[in-house]
Protein backbone atom coordinates (compact mmCIF):
# COMPACT_ATOMS: atom_id res chain seq x y z
CA MET A 1 5.80 -0.21 -27.52
CA ALA A 2 9.05 -2.17 -27.39
CA THR A 3 9.72 -4.82 -30.01
CA ALA A 4 8.41 -8.37 -29.97
CA THR A 5 12.01 -9.56 -29.91
CA LEU A 6 12.73 -7.64 -26.71
CA LYS A 7 9.49 -8.91 -25.18
CA ALA A 8 10.50 -12.49 -25.90
CA LYS A 9 13.91 -11.87 -24.37
CA ILE A 10 12.38 -10.40 -21.19
CA GLN A 11 9.97 -13.33 -20.91
CA GLN A 12 12.86 -15.77 -21.31
CA LEU A 13 14.94 -13.96 -18.69
CA ALA A 14 11.99 -13.97 -16.27
CA GLU A 15 11.81 -17.72 -16.76
CA THR A 16 15.57 -18.15 -16.39
CA TYR A 17 15.82 -16.05 -13.22
CA HIS A 18 12.60 -17.35 -11.68
CA ARG A 19 14.22 -19.85 -9.31
CA GLU A 20 16.57 -17.21 -7.94
CA ILE A 21 13.74 -14.69 -7.54
CA VAL A 22 11.84 -17.33 -5.56
CA GLU A 23 14.86 -17.80 -3.29
CA GLN A 24 15.09 -14.04 -2.79
CA ARG A 25 11.42 -13.89 -1.86
CA ARG A 26 11.83 -16.76 0.60
CA HIS A 27 14.83 -15.09 2.24
CA LEU A 28 12.84 -11.89 2.65
CA HIS A 29 9.83 -13.83 3.96
CA GLN A 30 11.99 -15.53 6.58
CA HIS A 31 13.45 -12.24 7.77
CA PRO A 32 10.60 -9.70 7.89
CA GLU A 33 11.07 -6.28 9.45
CA LEU A 34 8.55 -3.65 10.53
CA SER A 35 8.13 -0.18 9.05
CA PHE A 36 11.27 2.00 9.15
CA GLN A 37 13.10 -0.95 10.74
CA GLU A 38 14.03 -2.67 7.45
CA VAL A 39 17.77 -2.45 8.17
CA GLU A 40 18.70 -5.98 7.13
CA THR A 41 16.20 -5.92 4.27
CA GLY A 42 17.84 -2.79 2.89
CA LYS A 43 21.28 -4.35 3.23
CA TYR A 44 20.07 -7.46 1.42
CA VAL A 45 18.60 -5.42 -1.44
CA ALA A 46 21.81 -3.39 -1.77
CA LYS A 47 23.87 -6.60 -1.80
CA GLN A 48 21.76 -8.03 -4.63
CA LEU A 49 21.98 -4.83 -6.68
CA LYS A 50 25.75 -4.75 -6.20
CA ALA A 51 25.97 -8.35 -7.42
CA PHE A 52 23.95 -7.38 -10.51
CA GLY A 53 26.29 -4.45 -11.15
CA ILE A 54 23.53 -1.86 -10.66
CA SER A 55 24.34 1.60 -9.31
CA HIS A 56 22.44 2.32 -6.08
CA GLU A 57 22.28 4.40 -2.89
CA SER A 58 21.19 3.22 0.55
CA GLY A 59 19.85 5.20 3.49
CA TRP A 60 16.87 6.86 1.79
CA ALA A 61 14.15 7.37 4.43
CA LYS A 62 16.52 5.53 6.80
CA THR A 63 16.34 2.08 5.21
CA GLY A 64 15.29 2.57 1.58
CA VAL A 65 17.46 1.81 -1.45
CA ILE A 66 17.34 3.66 -4.78
CA GLY A 67 18.92 2.18 -7.90
CA LEU A 68 19.48 3.43 -11.43
CA ILE A 69 19.73 1.42 -14.63
CA LYS A 70 20.93 3.51 -17.55
CA GLY A 71 20.21 2.34 -21.06
CA GLN A 72 21.31 4.01 -24.27
CA ASN A 73 20.86 7.80 -24.25
CA PRO A 74 20.03 7.77 -20.50
CA GLU A 75 18.89 11.42 -20.35
CA ARG A 76 16.13 10.81 -22.88
CA ARG A 77 13.51 9.74 -20.31
CA THR A 78 13.24 8.17 -16.86
CA VAL A 79 10.61 5.73 -15.61
CA ALA A 80 10.36 4.65 -11.96
CA LEU A 81 9.42 1.25 -10.52
CA ARG A 82 8.48 0.97 -6.84
CA GLY A 83 8.52 -2.00 -4.48
CA ASP A 84 7.74 -1.73 -0.74
CA MET A 85 9.77 -3.69 1.83
CA ASP A 86 8.10 -3.64 5.26
CA ALA A 87 6.20 -6.39 7.07
CA LEU A 88 3.36 -6.49 9.62
CA PRO A 89 3.14 -7.24 13.38
CA ILE A 90 1.46 -10.61 12.76
CA THR A 91 2.54 -14.09 13.93
CA GLU A 92 2.70 -16.47 10.98
CA ALA A 93 0.65 -19.69 11.19
CA ASN A 94 1.91 -21.26 7.95
CA GLU A 95 4.12 -24.33 8.34
CA VAL A 96 6.43 -23.80 5.37
CA LEU A 97 10.20 -24.04 4.93
CA TYR A 98 10.42 -20.28 4.57
CA LYS A 99 8.26 -19.43 7.61
CA SER A 100 9.09 -16.15 9.37
CA GLN A 101 11.97 -16.48 11.81
CA ASN A 102 11.13 -13.16 13.50
CA GLU A 103 8.46 -13.98 16.07
CA GLY A 104 5.44 -11.72 15.79
CA VAL A 105 6.48 -10.24 12.44
CA MET A 106 5.27 -11.54 9.06
CA HIS A 107 5.18 -10.56 5.41
CA ALA A 108 1.39 -10.91 5.47
CA CYS A 109 0.82 -8.24 2.81
CA GLY A 110 3.13 -9.59 0.11
CA HIS A 111 5.84 -6.94 0.32
CA ASP A 112 8.41 -9.73 0.10
CA VAL A 113 6.91 -10.50 -3.32
CA HIS A 114 7.04 -6.83 -4.30
CA THR A 115 10.70 -6.50 -3.31
CA ALA A 116 11.73 -9.76 -4.97
CA SER A 117 9.80 -8.86 -8.12
CA LEU A 118 11.57 -5.51 -8.33
CA LEU A 119 14.93 -7.21 -7.81
CA GLY A 120 14.04 -9.60 -10.63
CA ALA A 121 12.92 -6.74 -12.87
CA ALA A 122 16.18 -4.92 -12.09
CA ARG A 123 18.27 -7.90 -13.11
CA ILE A 124 16.28 -8.36 -16.31
CA LEU A 125 16.53 -4.67 -17.23
CA ASN A 126 20.24 -4.60 -16.51
CA SER A 127 20.67 -7.58 -18.84
CA VAL A 128 18.95 -5.75 -21.73
CA LYS A 129 20.05 -2.15 -21.02
CA ASP A 130 21.81 -1.94 -24.39
CA GLU A 131 18.44 -2.53 -26.09
CA PHE A 132 16.44 0.43 -24.72
CA GLU A 133 16.90 4.17 -24.37
CA GLY A 134 16.50 6.05 -21.11
CA THR A 135 16.87 5.37 -17.39
CA VAL A 136 14.91 3.17 -14.99
CA LYS A 137 14.80 4.33 -11.36
CA LEU A 138 14.32 1.51 -8.84
CA ILE A 139 12.60 2.57 -5.61
CA PHE A 140 12.86 0.03 -2.79
CA GLN A 141 10.62 1.81 -0.31
CA PRO A 142 10.34 1.34 3.45
CA ALA A 143 7.26 1.76 5.62
CA GLU A 144 4.20 1.42 3.42
CA GLU A 145 2.15 0.03 6.29
CA ILE A 146 2.11 3.14 8.49
CA THR A 147 1.15 6.79 8.05
CA PRO A 148 2.88 8.99 7.35
CA GLY A 149 4.88 6.32 5.61
CA GLY A 150 7.87 5.78 3.38
CA ALA A 151 6.49 7.21 0.15
CA LEU A 152 5.94 10.66 1.64
CA LYS A 153 9.36 10.58 3.31
CA LEU A 154 11.09 9.61 0.06
CA ILE A 155 9.29 12.36 -1.84
CA GLU A 156 10.39 14.89 0.79
CA GLU A 157 13.97 13.65 0.37
CA GLY A 158 13.83 14.15 -3.41
CA VAL A 159 13.30 10.66 -4.80
CA LEU A 160 11.30 12.09 -7.70
CA GLU A 161 14.21 14.30 -8.79
CA ASN A 162 17.69 13.80 -10.27
CA PRO A 163 16.68 12.17 -12.52
CA LYS A 164 13.00 13.11 -12.54
CA PRO A 165 10.76 10.21 -13.64
CA ALA A 166 8.11 10.89 -16.26
CA SER A 167 5.94 8.17 -14.70
CA ILE A 168 5.94 5.52 -11.99
CA PHE A 169 4.57 1.97 -11.72
CA GLY A 170 3.78 -0.02 -8.59
CA GLN A 171 2.28 -3.48 -8.15
CA HIS A 172 0.57 -5.26 -5.28
CA VAL A 173 -0.38 -8.88 -4.72
CA PHE A 174 -4.11 -9.61 -4.96
CA SER A 175 -5.39 -12.78 -3.32
CA PRO A 176 -8.77 -12.94 -5.15
CA LEU A 177 -6.97 -13.05 -8.53
CA GLU A 178 -5.57 -16.29 -9.99
CA VAL A 179 -1.84 -16.49 -10.58
CA GLY A 180 -1.01 -15.58 -14.18
CA LYS A 181 -3.46 -12.67 -14.23
CA ILE A 182 -3.20 -9.01 -13.33
CA GLY A 183 -5.83 -6.41 -12.45
CA VAL A 184 -6.02 -2.81 -13.67
CA LYS A 185 -8.25 0.20 -12.95
CA ALA A 186 -7.83 3.64 -14.56
CA GLY A 187 -8.75 6.79 -12.67
CA LYS A 188 -9.61 6.87 -8.97
CA TYR A 189 -8.77 3.44 -7.61
CA MET A 190 -8.12 3.47 -3.84
CA ALA A 191 -9.37 5.66 -1.02
CA SER A 192 -7.72 8.27 1.14
CA THR A 193 -7.14 7.16 4.72
CA ASN A 194 -7.49 8.99 8.01
CA GLU A 195 -7.28 7.40 11.43
CA LEU A 196 -9.66 8.80 14.04
CA LYS A 197 -9.34 8.99 17.80
CA LEU A 198 -12.49 10.09 19.64
CA ASN A 199 -12.21 10.85 23.37
CA VAL A 200 -15.32 11.54 25.43
CA TYR A 201 -14.93 12.95 28.95
CA GLY A 202 -17.80 12.73 31.41
CA LYS A 203 -18.13 12.32 35.17
CA GLY A 204 -18.06 8.79 36.47
CA GLY A 205 -20.22 7.36 39.19
CA HIS A 206 -22.47 4.53 40.30
CA GLY A 207 -24.68 3.00 37.64
CA ALA A 208 -27.67 3.14 39.96
CA MET A 209 -27.33 6.93 40.30
CA PRO A 210 -26.56 8.25 36.79
CA HIS A 211 -28.08 11.66 37.60
CA ARG A 212 -25.08 12.43 39.80
CA GLY A 213 -22.60 12.12 36.93
CA VAL A 214 -22.24 12.57 33.17
CA ASP A 215 -22.51 9.25 31.35
CA SER A 216 -19.53 9.14 28.97
CA VAL A 217 -20.71 5.81 27.53
CA LEU A 218 -24.13 7.15 26.58
CA VAL A 219 -22.61 10.30 25.04
CA THR A 220 -20.21 8.11 23.06
CA ALA A 221 -23.06 5.97 21.77
CA HIS A 222 -24.92 9.05 20.55
CA LEU A 223 -21.81 10.39 18.85
CA ILE A 224 -21.02 7.14 17.03
CA VAL A 225 -24.54 7.03 15.59
CA ALA A 226 -24.68 10.74 14.82
CA LEU A 227 -21.33 10.81 13.04
CA GLN A 228 -22.64 8.29 10.49
CA GLN A 229 -25.13 10.97 9.47
CA ILE A 230 -22.26 12.93 7.95
CA VAL A 231 -21.70 10.10 5.46
CA SER A 232 -25.36 9.27 4.84
CA ARG A 233 -26.78 12.79 4.69
CA ASN A 234 -23.97 15.24 3.95
CA CYS A 235 -21.79 13.36 1.46
CA ASN A 236 -22.79 13.51 -2.21
CA PRO A 237 -24.12 9.98 -2.93
CA ILE A 238 -21.92 9.70 -6.04
CA LEU A 239 -18.77 10.05 -3.89
CA PRO A 240 -17.65 6.82 -2.18
CA CYS A 241 -17.14 7.37 1.54
CA VAL A 242 -16.81 5.02 4.52
CA LEU A 243 -16.72 5.89 8.22
CA THR A 244 -15.99 2.97 10.55
CA PHE A 245 -15.31 2.76 14.27
CA GLY A 246 -13.53 -0.44 15.21
CA LYS A 247 -12.42 -0.17 18.83
CA ILE A 248 -13.91 1.20 22.06
CA ASN A 249 -12.08 1.46 25.38
CA SER A 250 -13.17 2.96 28.69
CA ASN A 251 -11.01 4.31 31.46
CA GLY A 252 -12.50 2.28 34.26
CA GLY A 253 -16.13 1.21 34.23
CA ALA A 254 -17.97 -2.01 35.08
CA THR A 255 -21.50 -3.39 35.02
CA ASN A 256 -22.51 -0.82 37.64
CA ILE A 257 -19.81 1.83 37.23
CA ILE A 258 -19.96 4.68 34.73
CA PRO A 259 -16.41 5.54 33.58
CA ASP A 260 -14.96 9.04 33.44
CA GLU A 261 -13.66 8.61 29.90
CA VAL A 262 -14.27 6.59 26.74
CA GLU A 263 -11.88 6.29 23.78
CA VAL A 264 -13.02 5.21 20.31
CA LEU A 265 -10.75 4.44 17.34
CA GLY A 266 -11.89 4.51 13.73
CA THR A 267 -11.13 5.33 10.12
CA LEU A 268 -12.46 7.64 7.41
CA ARG A 269 -12.08 6.62 3.74
CA THR A 270 -13.00 8.87 0.82
CA MET A 271 -12.30 9.43 -2.90
CA ASP A 272 -12.46 13.22 -2.94
CA GLU A 273 -10.00 15.56 -1.22
CA ASP A 274 -12.45 18.48 -0.91
CA TRP A 275 -15.09 16.27 0.70
CA ARG A 276 -12.43 14.68 2.90
CA ALA A 277 -11.53 18.08 4.37
CA GLU A 278 -15.20 19.05 4.77
CA ALA A 279 -16.11 15.75 6.44
CA ILE A 280 -13.31 16.11 8.99
CA GLU A 281 -14.41 19.67 9.80
CA ARG A 282 -18.04 18.56 10.19
CA MET A 283 -17.12 15.62 12.42
CA GLN A 284 -14.96 17.72 14.74
CA LYS A 285 -17.70 20.33 15.07
CA MET A 286 -20.37 17.68 15.74
CA VAL A 287 -18.25 15.96 18.38
CA ARG A 288 -17.54 19.18 20.23
CA LEU A 289 -21.07 20.62 20.19
CA MET A 290 -23.03 17.38 20.77
CA ALA A 291 -20.89 16.42 23.74
CA GLU A 292 -21.29 19.92 25.18
CA SER A 293 -25.08 19.76 24.77
CA MET A 294 -25.09 16.55 26.83
CA GLY A 295 -22.91 17.96 29.59
CA ALA A 296 -19.71 16.23 28.50
CA ARG A 297 -16.55 17.21 26.68
CA ALA A 298 -15.17 15.45 23.61
CA THR A 299 -12.27 15.73 21.16
CA LEU A 300 -11.65 14.15 17.77
CA GLU A 301 -8.04 13.72 16.65
CA VAL A 302 -7.57 12.99 12.93
CA SER A 303 -4.29 11.63 11.56
CA ASN A 304 -2.75 13.07 8.40
CA GLY A 305 -3.21 9.91 6.32
CA ASN A 306 -2.67 9.07 2.68
CA PRO A 307 -4.57 10.81 -0.14
CA TYR A 308 -6.69 8.84 -2.60
CA LEU A 309 -4.82 6.86 -5.24
CA MET A 310 -5.29 8.15 -8.78
CA ASN A 311 -4.22 5.91 -11.63
CA HIS A 312 -3.36 8.35 -14.41
CA VAL A 313 -5.88 7.61 -17.15
CA GLU A 314 -3.63 7.83 -20.20
CA LEU A 315 -0.71 6.08 -18.52
CA THR A 316 -2.98 3.28 -17.28
CA LYS A 317 -4.51 2.91 -20.74
CA ARG A 318 -1.01 2.47 -22.19
CA MET A 319 -0.08 0.12 -19.34
CA ARG A 320 -3.08 -2.07 -20.10
CA GLY A 321 -1.95 -2.32 -23.71
CA TYR A 322 1.59 -3.25 -22.64
CA ALA A 323 0.24 -5.87 -20.21
CA GLU A 324 -2.08 -7.41 -22.79
CA ALA A 325 0.81 -7.69 -25.22
CA TYR A 326 2.97 -9.36 -22.57
CA MET A 327 0.45 -11.64 -20.83
CA GLY A 328 -2.47 -11.92 -23.25
CA ALA A 329 -5.64 -9.84 -23.16
CA GLU A 330 -7.56 -12.63 -21.42
CA ASN A 331 -5.21 -12.35 -18.43
CA VAL A 332 -5.71 -8.62 -17.84
CA VAL A 333 -8.76 -8.01 -15.63
CA GLU A 334 -10.68 -4.78 -14.99
CA LEU A 335 -10.89 -4.01 -11.26
CA PRO A 336 -13.51 -2.06 -9.29
CA ILE A 337 -12.55 0.81 -6.99
CA ARG A 338 -11.41 -0.18 -3.50
CA MET A 339 -11.87 1.67 -0.21
CA GLY A 340 -8.59 0.32 1.09
CA GLY A 341 -5.64 2.70 1.31
CA GLU A 342 -2.11 2.60 -0.10
CA ASP A 343 0.75 5.04 0.33
CA PHE A 344 1.65 4.73 -3.37
CA ALA A 345 -1.13 7.31 -3.57
CA ASN A 346 1.42 9.93 -2.55
CA TYR A 347 3.30 9.36 -5.80
CA SER A 348 0.05 9.49 -7.76
CA GLN A 349 -0.64 12.99 -6.45
CA GLN A 350 2.76 14.16 -7.72
CA MET A 351 3.08 12.61 -11.19
CA PRO A 352 1.51 10.17 -13.68
CA ALA A 353 1.30 6.89 -11.77
CA CYS A 354 -0.15 3.42 -12.28
CA PHE A 355 -0.77 0.90 -9.51
CA TYR A 356 -1.90 -2.55 -10.59
CA ARG A 357 -2.62 -5.93 -9.01
CA LEU A 358 -0.70 -9.19 -9.36
CA GLY A 359 -2.62 -12.46 -9.16
CA ILE A 360 -1.28 -14.92 -6.56
CA ARG A 361 -4.23 -17.29 -5.97
CA ASN A 362 -4.13 -21.06 -6.54
CA GLU A 363 -7.21 -22.85 -5.21
CA ALA A 364 -5.88 -26.28 -6.15
CA ARG A 365 -3.00 -25.70 -3.73
CA ASN A 366 -5.23 -23.98 -1.14
CA ILE A 367 -3.44 -20.66 -1.57
CA THR A 368 -6.47 -18.47 -0.95
CA SER A 369 -5.93 -16.52 2.29
CA PRO A 370 -6.47 -12.75 2.21
CA ILE A 371 -3.68 -10.31 3.00
CA HIS A 372 -3.08 -9.33 6.63
CA THR A 373 -3.93 -12.82 7.87
CA THR A 374 -1.74 -15.38 9.66
CA THR A 375 -2.08 -17.88 6.80
CA PHE A 376 -1.39 -15.55 3.87
CA ASP A 377 0.89 -16.99 1.18
CA VAL A 378 1.33 -16.81 -2.59
CA ASP A 379 1.76 -19.14 -5.52
CA GLU A 380 5.38 -18.36 -6.33
CA GLU A 381 4.71 -18.64 -10.05
CA CYS A 382 3.51 -15.06 -9.61
CA LEU A 383 7.13 -13.93 -9.30
CA LYS A 384 7.73 -14.80 -12.94
CA TYR A 385 5.01 -12.36 -13.96
CA GLY A 386 5.80 -9.86 -11.23
CA ALA A 387 9.40 -9.44 -12.38
CA GLY A 388 8.92 -9.83 -16.11
CA LEU A 389 5.92 -7.53 -16.43
CA MET A 390 7.60 -4.75 -14.42
CA ALA A 391 10.62 -4.89 -16.71
CA TRP A 392 8.40 -4.87 -19.80
CA LEU A 393 6.33 -1.93 -18.55
CA ALA A 394 9.51 0.07 -18.00
CA VAL A 395 10.98 -0.47 -21.46
CA CYS A 396 7.63 0.14 -23.16
CA GLU A 397 7.00 3.36 -21.26
CA LEU A 398 10.51 4.61 -22.01
CA GLU A 399 9.57 4.46 -25.68
CA ALA A 400 6.10 6.01 -25.29
C-alpha cells in the first residue's frame, strides 16, 4: 500500500480540486449525449486532459478517449481506471442550474459523475506522478447503456494492450448509499443480460368465431407462463436467475378481433454462463414446439448481451483494504449481489477487475431518486471521494 504521506497528499488534492470537478460534472450534465454519440463529451474530456498535460488519444470506439499517466519506472506495472460517458433518452424533471440542455437526453445514471471523477483522479495522479512507479491507463468509455456497448468495442480495438493493465477499477453511483460511503462485493456481483424478442404468429379473425383462426394472444399467454418454468424448475436453485417480460404488442387486434401476430419483449438475467446458454436453448425449443402444438408459429430472438460481472476476489480484497485506509472502515459497506447488468463485466471476463459503488445519497437535501429516473441527482460531495479514491486505488495497486 502507498504511504500515509501520499494518501494525505491525494486527499488534499481531492479537496483542492473539488470545486473544479463539480464544474466539470455540471458541464457534462448540461450537455448529455447518447451512446456512441458522445462527440462533444469526448472533445471536452480531451481538452481537459490536454490542459492537465496528460498524454491521450481520441477516437477509440468512435468517441472514447484513452489517456496515460506515466510515473517513475513506467514499464513496471500498469493499472487501468474506467469511466463511462453516455447518457439516457430521458427528459430531466429537475429544476437546477445545471439541468440538461439537450431535450430528451439526461445523465440519469450518473455517468457525468463517473467521467468527472476520472478527470479529477487523472489530475491528482498527474500531480503526484513523481511519487509512484508504473503507468495509469485512463479509459473514458462510450456507450455503456447499450449492448453490445463500448467496453466490448474498446476491447476489440486493443484497449487492454500496449500497455497491458494488470488490473482495472470502475465505479458507479449508488443512490441507496449515503455520500461519503462506498460499497464493495467480491466475486460474482452483477448479472449477465440478454434482451428477448418473442414473436407469435397465428391467424386473426373475429373474436366471436375463434375456431376459424389461431389465437396468437392465447398462444402468447401460454408461452409467457410456460417459459417461467425454465427458471423455476430447470435452473439450479443456488444459481440466481430472473426472466421478465415487460412489453406486449399486437399487430392489430381489438376487443372482438384476434390479431395475426403478437410481439413480447423481455430480459434474461443470470450469474452462470453455462446455465445462461442452456436456458436460451431451452427457451427457444419451448417456444418453437409449444407454438407448433397449438397451431401457431413462434420465434425467440436473443441479443448477445453482457456477461456476468466478476469482481476478482483477491483484487477486491486488496481494494477493500485500500478503501478502508482512505475513507475509514466504517465507510466501506458490503453489498449483496445485483441482478442488474453492467458492461464493465466485459473487462472482468478478460482480466482482474473490481467494480465498486459510490454513495451519492443525502436525505436531508432530498437527494434520494434512483438511477434512470427523471429526478435523479447526486450530492456533489461524492465527487471528492470519487476522484480521490480512484487515484488512491491506482497508486496502491501499482505497488501491490
